[in-house]
PDB file of N, CA and C in Angstrom:
ATOM      1  N   MET A   1     261.959  57.083 169.259  1.00  0.00           N
ATOM      2  CA  MET A   1     260.535  57.545 170.271  1.00  0.00           C
ATOM      3  C   MET A   1     259.443  56.397 170.680  1.00  0.00           C
ATOM      4  N   ASP A   2     260.073  56.120 171.698  1.00  0.00           N
ATOM      5  CA  ASP A   2     259.365  54.945 172.775  1.00  0.00           C
ATOM      6  C   ASP A   2     258.331  55.224 173.390  1.00  0.00           C
ATOM      7  N   GLY A   3     258.634  56.792 174.077  1.00  0.00           N
ATOM      8  CA  GLY A   3     257.826  57.262 175.143  1.00  0.00           C
ATOM      9  C   GLY A   3     256.532  57.910 174.824  1.00  0.00           C
ATOM     10  N   ARG A   4     256.576  59.217 174.975  1.00  0.00           N
ATOM     11  CA  ARG A   4     254.888  59.655 174.589  1.00  0.00           C
ATOM     12  C   ARG A   4     255.515  60.616 173.844  1.00  0.00           C
ATOM     13  N   GLY A   5     254.751  60.899 172.483  1.00  0.00           N
ATOM     14  CA  GLY A   5     254.363  61.391 171.475  1.00  0.00           C
ATOM     15  C   GLY A   5     255.151  60.495 170.104  1.00  0.00           C
ATOM     16  N   ALA A   6     255.062  58.962 170.677  1.00  0.00           N
ATOM     17  CA  ALA A   6     255.712  58.434 169.853  1.00  0.00           C
ATOM     18  C   ALA A   6     254.447  58.707 168.662  1.00  0.00           C
ATOM     19  N   TRP A   7     254.732  57.969 167.335  1.00  0.00           N
ATOM     20  CA  TRP A   7     254.336  57.664 166.181  1.00  0.00           C
ATOM     21  C   TRP A   7     253.256  57.125 166.512  1.00  0.00           C
ATOM     22  N   ARG A   8     252.747  55.891 167.408  1.00  0.00           N
ATOM     23  CA  ARG A   8     251.667  54.773 167.495  1.00  0.00           C
ATOM     24  C   ARG A   8     250.724  56.079 168.488  1.00  0.00           C
ATOM     25  N   ASP A   9     251.076  56.729 168.985  1.00  0.00           N
ATOM     26  CA  ASP A   9     250.044  57.939 169.709  1.00  0.00           C
ATOM     27  C   ASP A   9     249.052  58.673 168.745  1.00  0.00           C
ATOM     28  N   THR A  10     249.539  58.990 167.894  1.00  0.00           N
ATOM     29  CA  THR A  10     248.576  59.832 166.603  1.00  0.00           C
ATOM     30  C   THR A  10     248.615  59.521 165.280  1.00  0.00           C
ATOM     31  N   ILE A  11     248.633  57.680 164.844  1.00  0.00           N
ATOM     32  CA  ILE A  11     248.772  57.000 163.995  1.00  0.00           C
ATOM     33  C   ILE A  11     246.734  57.036 163.749  1.00  0.00           C
ATOM     34  N   PHE A  12     245.937  57.034 164.683  1.00  0.00           N
ATOM     35  CA  PHE A  12     244.892  56.646 163.892  1.00  0.00           C
ATOM     36  C   PHE A  12     244.066  58.229 163.864  1.00  0.00           C
ATOM     37  N   VAL A  13     244.734  59.579 164.296  1.00  0.00           N
ATOM     38  CA  VAL A  13     244.346  60.244 164.845  1.00  0.00           C
ATOM     39  C   VAL A  13     244.148  61.074 163.034  1.00  0.00           C
ATOM     40  N   GLU A  14     245.712  60.958 162.812  1.00  0.00           N
ATOM     41  CA  GLU A  14     246.294  61.157 161.175  1.00  0.00           C
ATOM     42  C   GLU A  14     245.590  60.298 160.453  1.00  0.00           C
ATOM     43  N   ARG A  15     245.239  59.219 160.216  1.00  0.00           N
ATOM     44  CA  ARG A  15     244.744  58.808 159.413  1.00  0.00           C
ATOM     45  C   ARG A  15     243.379  59.188 159.285  1.00  0.00           C
ATOM     46  N   LEU A  16     242.523  59.198 160.515  1.00  0.00           N
ATOM     47  CA  LEU A  16     241.238  60.406 160.456  1.00  0.00           C
ATOM     48  C   LEU A  16     241.083  61.297 159.302  1.00  0.00           C
ATOM     49  N   TRP A  17     242.513  62.075 159.336  1.00  0.00           N
ATOM     50  CA  TRP A  17     242.481  63.386 159.413  1.00  0.00           C
ATOM     51  C   TRP A  17     243.060  63.313 157.715  1.00  0.00           C
ATOM     52  N   ARG A  18     243.803  62.138 157.256  1.00  0.00           N
ATOM     53  CA  ARG A  18     243.912  62.616 155.948  1.00  0.00           C
ATOM     54  C   ARG A  18     242.836  61.980 154.951  1.00  0.00           C
ATOM     55  N   SER A  19     241.767  60.895 156.193  1.00  0.00           N
ATOM     56  CA  SER A  19     240.575  61.073 155.198  1.00  0.00           C
ATOM     57  C   SER A  19     239.413  62.270 154.873  1.00  0.00           C
ATOM     58  N   VAL A  20     239.228  62.825 156.141  1.00  0.00           N
ATOM     59  CA  VAL A  20     238.600  63.816 156.240  1.00  0.00           C
ATOM     60  C   VAL A  20     239.214  65.077 154.770  1.00  0.00           C
ATOM     61  N   LYS A  21     240.596  65.443 155.024  1.00  0.00           N
ATOM     62  CA  LYS A  21     241.578  66.391 153.810  1.00  0.00           C
ATOM     63  C   LYS A  21     240.835  65.332 152.276  1.00  0.00           C
ATOM     64  N   ASP A  22     241.076  64.471 152.118  1.00  0.00           N
ATOM     65  CA  ASP A  22     240.900  63.482 150.430  1.00  0.00           C
ATOM     66  C   ASP A  22     239.684  63.724 149.898  1.00  0.00           C
ATOM     67  N   GLU A  23     238.469  63.343 151.083  1.00  0.00           N
ATOM     68  CA  GLU A  23     237.478  63.281 150.942  1.00  0.00           C
ATOM     69  C   GLU A  23     236.646  64.349 150.634  1.00  0.00           C
ATOM     70  N   GLU A  24     237.072  65.465 151.361  1.00  0.00           N
ATOM     71  CA  GLU A  24     236.343  66.570 151.770  1.00  0.00           C
ATOM     72  C   GLU A  24     236.518  68.141 151.802  1.00  0.00           C
ATOM     73  N   VAL A  25     238.010  67.693 152.434  1.00  0.00           N
ATOM     74  CA  VAL A  25     237.845  69.319 152.067  1.00  0.00           C
ATOM     75  C   VAL A  25     238.424  69.936 151.318  1.00  0.00           C
ATOM     76  N   TYR A  26     239.802  69.320 150.654  1.00  0.00           N
ATOM     77  CA  TYR A  26     239.912  69.247 149.313  1.00  0.00           C
ATOM     78  C   TYR A  26     239.303  68.961 147.909  1.00  0.00           C
ATOM     79  N   LEU A  27     237.746  68.870 148.534  1.00  0.00           N
ATOM     80  CA  LEU A  27     237.283  68.349 146.900  1.00  0.00           C
ATOM     81  C   LEU A  27     235.663  69.742 147.154  1.00  0.00           C
ATOM     82  N   ARG A  28     236.021  71.043 148.127  1.00  0.00           N
ATOM     83  CA  ARG A  28     235.376  71.948 148.597  1.00  0.00           C
ATOM     84  C   ARG A  28     235.744  73.329 148.304  1.00  0.00           C
ATOM     85  N   ALA A  29     235.484  74.031 148.295  1.00  0.00           N
ATOM     86  CA  ALA A  29     235.629  75.536 148.308  1.00  0.00           C
ATOM     87  C   ALA A  29     234.525  76.043 148.815  1.00  0.00           C
ATOM     88  N   TYR A  30     235.220  76.173 150.256  1.00  0.00           N
ATOM     89  CA  TYR A  30     234.306  76.734 151.345  1.00  0.00           C
ATOM     90  C   TYR A  30     234.218  77.970 151.360  1.00  0.00           C
ATOM     91  N   GLU A  31     232.698  78.817 151.216  1.00  0.00           N
ATOM     92  CA  GLU A  31     232.982  80.230 151.113  1.00  0.00           C
ATOM     93  C   GLU A  31     233.097  80.492 152.501  1.00  0.00           C
ATOM     94  N   SER A  32     232.765  80.262 153.897  1.00  0.00           N
ATOM     95  CA  SER A  32     232.525  80.495 154.993  1.00  0.00           C
ATOM     96  C   SER A  32     233.001  79.645 155.864  1.00  0.00           C
ATOM     97  N   VAL A  33     233.669  79.959 157.168  1.00  0.00           N
ATOM     98  CA  VAL A  33     233.858  79.279 158.134  1.00  0.00           C
ATOM     99  C   VAL A  33     232.293  78.436 158.676  1.00  0.00           C
ATOM    100  N   SER A  34     230.848  78.817 158.092  1.00  0.00           N
ATOM    101  CA  SER A  34     230.433  78.625 158.860  1.00  0.00           C
ATOM    102  C   SER A  34     229.960  77.378 157.698  1.00  0.00           C
ATOM    103  N   ALA A  35     230.245  77.587 156.516  1.00  0.00           N
ATOM    104  CA  ALA A  35     229.747  76.152 155.261  1.00  0.00           C
ATOM    105  C   ALA A  35     230.868  75.710 155.777  1.00  0.00           C
ATOM    106  N   ALA A  36     232.089  75.660 156.053  1.00  0.00           N
ATOM    107  CA  ALA A  36     233.426  74.915 156.492  1.00  0.00           C
ATOM    108  C   ALA A  36     232.315  73.945 157.500  1.00  0.00           C
ATOM    109  N   ARG A  37     231.932  73.822 158.532  1.00  0.00           N
ATOM    110  CA  ARG A  37     231.336  73.435 159.344  1.00  0.00           C
ATOM    111  C   ARG A  37     230.322  72.576 159.323  1.00  0.00           C
ATOM    112  N   ALA A  38     229.384  73.240 158.589  1.00  0.00           N
ATOM    113  CA  ALA A  38     228.413  72.689 158.296  1.00  0.00           C
ATOM    114  C   ALA A  38     228.748  71.268 157.051  1.00  0.00           C
ATOM    115  N   GLY A  39     230.005  71.408 156.260  1.00  0.00           N
ATOM    116  CA  GLY A  39     230.287  70.379 155.201  1.00  0.00           C
ATOM    117  C   GLY A  39     230.784  69.471 156.473  1.00  0.00           C
ATOM    118  N   LEU A  40     232.368  69.910 157.163  1.00  0.00           N
ATOM    119  CA  LEU A  40     232.652  69.161 158.266  1.00  0.00           C
ATOM    120  C   LEU A  40     231.721  68.228 159.050  1.00  0.00           C
ATOM    121  N   ALA A  41     230.389  68.533 159.687  1.00  0.00           N
ATOM    122  CA  ALA A  41     229.568  68.050 159.888  1.00  0.00           C
ATOM    123  C   ALA A  41     228.838  67.011 159.680  1.00  0.00           C
ATOM    124  N   ARG A  42     228.240  67.248 158.224  1.00  0.00           N
ATOM    125  CA  ARG A  42     227.717  66.035 157.176  1.00  0.00           C
ATOM    126  C   ARG A  42     228.506  65.239 156.238  1.00  0.00           C
ATOM    127  N   TYR A  43     230.042  65.591 156.866  1.00  0.00           N
ATOM    128  CA  TYR A  43     230.930  64.409 156.546  1.00  0.00           C
ATOM    129  C   TYR A  43     231.146  63.817 157.449  1.00  0.00           C
ATOM    130  N   PHE A  44     231.634  63.779 158.560  1.00  0.00           N
ATOM    131  CA  PHE A  44     231.434  63.073 160.248  1.00  0.00           C
ATOM    132  C   PHE A  44     230.311  61.957 160.477  1.00  0.00           C
ATOM    133  N   GLN A  45     228.767  62.619 159.742  1.00  0.00           N
ATOM    134  CA  GLN A  45     227.589  61.996 159.796  1.00  0.00           C
ATOM    135  C   GLN A  45     228.116  60.609 159.078  1.00  0.00           C
ATOM    136  N   PHE A  46     228.381  61.051 157.597  1.00  0.00           N
ATOM    137  CA  PHE A  46     228.507  59.551 156.904  1.00  0.00           C
ATOM    138  C   PHE A  46     229.395  58.598 157.163  1.00  0.00           C
ATOM    139  N   TYR A  47     230.866  59.686 157.571  1.00  0.00           N
ATOM    140  CA  TYR A  47     232.084  58.246 157.662  1.00  0.00           C
ATOM    141  C   TYR A  47     231.419  57.501 159.121  1.00  0.00           C
ATOM    142  N   ASN A  48     231.339  58.109 160.302  1.00  0.00           N
ATOM    143  CA  ASN A  48     230.703  57.449 161.348  1.00  0.00           C
ATOM    144  C   ASN A  48     229.386  56.554 160.929  1.00  0.00           C
ATOM    145  N   GLY A  49     228.382  56.543 159.842  1.00  0.00           N
ATOM    146  CA  GLY A  49     226.948  56.576 159.986  1.00  0.00           C
ATOM    147  C   GLY A  49     227.027  55.333 158.272  1.00  0.00           C
ATOM    148  N   ARG A  50     227.375  56.041 157.430  1.00  0.00           N
ATOM    149  CA  ARG A  50     227.099  55.368 156.301  1.00  0.00           C
ATOM    150  C   ARG A  50     228.712  54.335 155.714  1.00  0.00           C
ATOM    151  N   ARG A  51     229.802  55.105 155.582  1.00  0.00           N
ATOM    152  CA  ARG A  51     231.195  54.750 155.273  1.00  0.00           C
ATOM    153  C   ARG A  51     231.501  53.241 155.853  1.00  0.00           C
ATOM    154  N   PRO A  52     231.630  52.645 154.672  1.00  0.00           N
ATOM    155  CA  PRO A  52     232.304  50.755 155.108  1.00  0.00           C
ATOM    156  C   PRO A  52     233.762  51.437 155.374  1.00  0.00           C
ATOM    157  N   HIS A  53     234.576  50.772 157.177  1.00  0.00           N
ATOM    158  CA  HIS A  53     235.881  50.878 157.297  1.00  0.00           C
ATOM    159  C   HIS A  53     235.990  48.959 157.111  1.00  0.00           C
ATOM    160  N   SER A  54     237.716  49.007 156.022  1.00  0.00           N
ATOM    161  CA  SER A  54     237.779  47.777 156.527  1.00  0.00           C
ATOM    162  C   SER A  54     238.168  46.954 157.162  1.00  0.00           C
ATOM    163  N   ALA A  55     238.730  48.114 158.016  1.00  0.00           N
ATOM    164  CA  ALA A  55     239.355  47.686 160.046  1.00  0.00           C
ATOM    165  C   ALA A  55     237.761  47.222 160.826  1.00  0.00           C
ATOM    166  N   LEU A  56     236.632  47.343 160.034  1.00  0.00           N
ATOM    167  CA  LEU A  56     235.524  47.025 160.817  1.00  0.00           C
ATOM    168  C   LEU A  56     234.568  45.895 159.891  1.00  0.00           C
ATOM    169  N   ALA A  57     235.480  44.850 159.559  1.00  0.00           N
ATOM    170  CA  ALA A  57     234.414  43.690 158.450  1.00  0.00           C
ATOM    171  C   ALA A  57     233.726  45.218 157.155  1.00  0.00           C
ATOM    172  N   GLY A  58     234.218  46.076 156.791  1.00  0.00           N
ATOM    173  CA  GLY A  58     233.043  46.403 155.941  1.00  0.00           C
ATOM    174  C   GLY A  58     231.880  47.593 156.126  1.00  0.00           C
ATOM    175  N   GLN A  59     231.892  47.512 157.912  1.00  0.00           N
ATOM    176  CA  GLN A  59     231.047  48.475 158.682  1.00  0.00           C
ATOM    177  C   GLN A  59     231.384  49.781 159.171  1.00  0.00           C
ATOM    178  N   PRO A  60     229.724  50.078 159.107  1.00  0.00           N
ATOM    179  CA  PRO A  60     230.436  52.162 159.925  1.00  0.00           C
ATOM    180  C   PRO A  60     230.644  51.755 161.144  1.00  0.00           C
ATOM    181  N   PRO A  61     231.284  52.953 161.583  1.00  0.00           N
ATOM    182  CA  PRO A  61     231.352  52.976 163.599  1.00  0.00           C
ATOM    183  C   PRO A  61     229.983  52.335 164.122  1.00  0.00           C
ATOM    184  N   ASP A  62     229.306  53.578 163.377  1.00  0.00           N
ATOM    185  CA  ASP A  62     227.945  53.207 164.255  1.00  0.00           C
ATOM    186  C   ASP A  62     227.447  52.090 164.476  1.00  0.00           C
ATOM    187  N   GLN A  63     227.273  51.196 162.699  1.00  0.00           N
ATOM    188  CA  GLN A  63     226.525  49.910 162.743  1.00  0.00           C
ATOM    189  C   GLN A  63     227.160  48.927 164.117  1.00  0.00           C
ATOM    190  N   LEU A  64     228.603  49.244 163.906  1.00  0.00           N
ATOM    191  CA  LEU A  64     229.419  48.457 164.729  1.00  0.00           C
ATOM    192  C   LEU A  64     229.010  48.163 166.555  1.00  0.00           C
ATOM    193  N   TYR A  65     228.612  49.687 166.379  1.00  0.00           N
ATOM    194  CA  TYR A  65     228.729  49.772 168.121  1.00  0.00           C
ATOM    195  C   TYR A  65     227.090  49.828 167.976  1.00  0.00           C
ATOM    196  N   LEU A  66     226.454  49.818 167.523  1.00  0.00           N
ATOM    197  CA  LEU A  66     224.960  49.579 168.432  1.00  0.00           C
ATOM    198  C   LEU A  66     224.542  48.413 168.233  1.00  0.00           C
ATOM    199  N   ASN A  67     225.541  47.975 166.945  1.00  0.00           N
ATOM    200  CA  ASN A  67     225.128  46.047 167.460  1.00  0.00           C
ATOM    201  C   ASN A  67     225.969  45.578 168.641  1.00  0.00           C
ATOM    202  N   ASN A  68     226.406  45.744 168.738  1.00  0.00           N
ATOM    203  CA  ASN A  68     228.098  45.442 170.303  1.00  0.00           C
ATOM    204  C   ASN A  68     226.573  46.100 171.389  1.00  0.00           C
ATOM    205  N   GLN A  69     226.158  46.565 171.689  1.00  0.00           N
ATOM    206  CA  GLN A  69     225.784  47.299 173.037  1.00  0.00           C
ATOM    207  C   GLN A  69     225.180  46.292 173.931  1.00  0.00           C
ATOM    208  N   PRO A  70     225.059  46.100 174.647  1.00  0.00           N
ATOM    209  CA  PRO A  70     224.605  44.996 175.846  1.00  0.00           C
ATOM    210  C   PRO A  70     222.939  45.502 175.936  1.00  0.00           C
ATOM    211  N   HIS A  71     221.774  44.581 175.761  1.00  0.00           N
ATOM    212  CA  HIS A  71     220.920  44.886 175.779  1.00  0.00           C
ATOM    213  C   HIS A  71     220.492  44.201 177.329  1.00  0.00           C
ATOM    214  N   THR A  72     219.325  45.709 177.650  1.00  0.00           N
ATOM    215  CA  THR A  72     219.069  45.766 178.990  1.00  0.00           C
ATOM    216  C   THR A  72     217.891  45.064 179.314  1.00  0.00           C
ATOM    217  N   GLN A  73     216.988  44.631 180.237  1.00  0.00           N
ATOM    218  CA  GLN A  73     215.521  44.299 180.382  1.00  0.00           C
ATOM    219  C   GLN A  73     214.989  45.028 181.440  1.00  0.00           C
ATOM    220  N   ALA A  74     214.077  45.223 181.169  1.00  0.00           N
ATOM    221  CA  ALA A  74     213.104  45.873 181.934  1.00  0.00           C
ATOM    222  C   ALA A  74     212.922  45.038 183.765  1.00  0.00           C
ATOM    223  N   ALA A  75     212.861  45.626 184.257  1.00  0.00           N
ATOM    224  CA  ALA A  75     212.431  44.631 185.928  1.00  0.00           C
ATOM    225  C   ALA A  75     211.639  44.704 185.710  1.00  0.00           C
TER     226      ALA A  75
END
Protein backbone atom coordinates (compact mmCIF):
# COMPACT_ATOMS: atom_id res chain seq x y z
CA MET A 1 0.00 0.00 0.00
CA ASP A 2 1.94 2.98 -1.24
CA GLY A 3 -0.89 5.29 -2.16
CA ARG A 4 -3.94 6.55 -0.40
CA GLY A 5 -4.87 4.44 2.60
CA ALA A 6 -1.29 3.51 3.41
CA TRP A 7 -0.46 2.73 7.03
CA ARG A 8 1.55 5.96 7.21
CA ASP A 9 -1.65 7.94 6.76
CA THR A 10 -3.19 6.75 10.01
CA ILE A 11 -0.27 5.81 12.24
CA PHE A 12 -0.49 8.98 14.39
CA VAL A 13 -4.25 8.72 14.88
CA GLU A 14 -3.99 5.01 15.69
CA ARG A 15 -1.32 5.76 18.31
CA LEU A 16 -3.46 8.51 19.83
CA TRP A 17 -6.50 6.23 20.13
CA ARG A 18 -4.35 3.49 21.66
CA SER A 19 -3.27 5.95 24.35
CA VAL A 20 -6.85 7.13 24.90
CA LYS A 21 -8.13 3.58 25.28
CA ASP A 22 -5.28 2.34 27.49
CA GLU A 23 -5.05 5.40 29.74
CA GLU A 24 -8.72 6.40 30.00
CA VAL A 25 -11.44 4.27 28.46
CA TYR A 26 -10.40 0.82 29.71
CA LEU A 27 -9.87 2.16 33.25
CA ARG A 28 -13.33 3.70 33.60
CA ALA A 29 -16.78 2.23 33.73
CA TYR A 30 -18.81 5.05 32.24
CA GLU A 31 -22.41 5.01 33.35
CA SER A 32 -23.69 7.12 30.46
CA VAL A 33 -22.70 8.76 27.22
CA SER A 34 -22.47 12.13 28.97
CA ALA A 35 -20.10 10.64 31.56
CA ALA A 36 -17.95 9.24 28.73
CA ARG A 37 -17.87 12.62 26.98
CA ALA A 38 -16.87 14.38 30.20
CA GLY A 39 -14.17 11.79 30.88
CA LEU A 40 -12.75 12.06 27.38
CA ALA A 41 -12.78 15.86 27.51
CA ARG A 42 -10.87 15.72 30.80
CA TYR A 43 -8.40 13.22 29.34
CA PHE A 44 -7.69 15.32 26.23
CA GLN A 45 -7.05 18.38 28.41
CA PHE A 46 -4.53 16.27 30.33
CA TYR A 47 -3.07 14.76 27.13
CA ASN A 48 -2.45 18.14 25.50
CA GLY A 49 -1.73 20.23 28.59
CA ARG A 50 0.18 18.14 31.12
CA ARG A 51 1.16 14.72 29.73
CA PRO A 52 4.82 14.63 28.65
CA HIS A 53 5.43 13.34 25.13
CA SER A 54 8.71 11.61 24.33
CA ALA A 55 8.60 12.81 20.71
CA LEU A 56 8.41 16.41 21.99
CA ALA A 57 11.41 16.18 24.35
CA GLY A 58 9.17 15.51 27.32
CA GLN A 59 6.97 18.55 26.80
CA PRO A 60 3.21 18.51 26.45
CA PRO A 61 1.92 19.67 23.04
CA ASP A 62 0.31 22.86 24.42
CA GLN A 63 3.56 24.01 26.02
CA LEU A 64 5.58 23.36 22.88
CA TYR A 65 3.00 25.09 20.68
CA LEU A 66 2.67 28.15 22.92
CA ASN A 67 6.44 28.53 23.29
CA ASN A 68 6.90 28.55 19.50
CA GLN A 69 4.31 31.21 18.69
CA PRO A 70 5.74 34.34 17.07
CA HIS A 71 5.50 37.41 19.27
CA THR A 72 3.66 40.31 17.72
CA GLN A 73 4.42 43.88 18.60
CA ALA A 74 1.87 46.61 18.99
CA ALA A 75 2.04 49.36 16.39
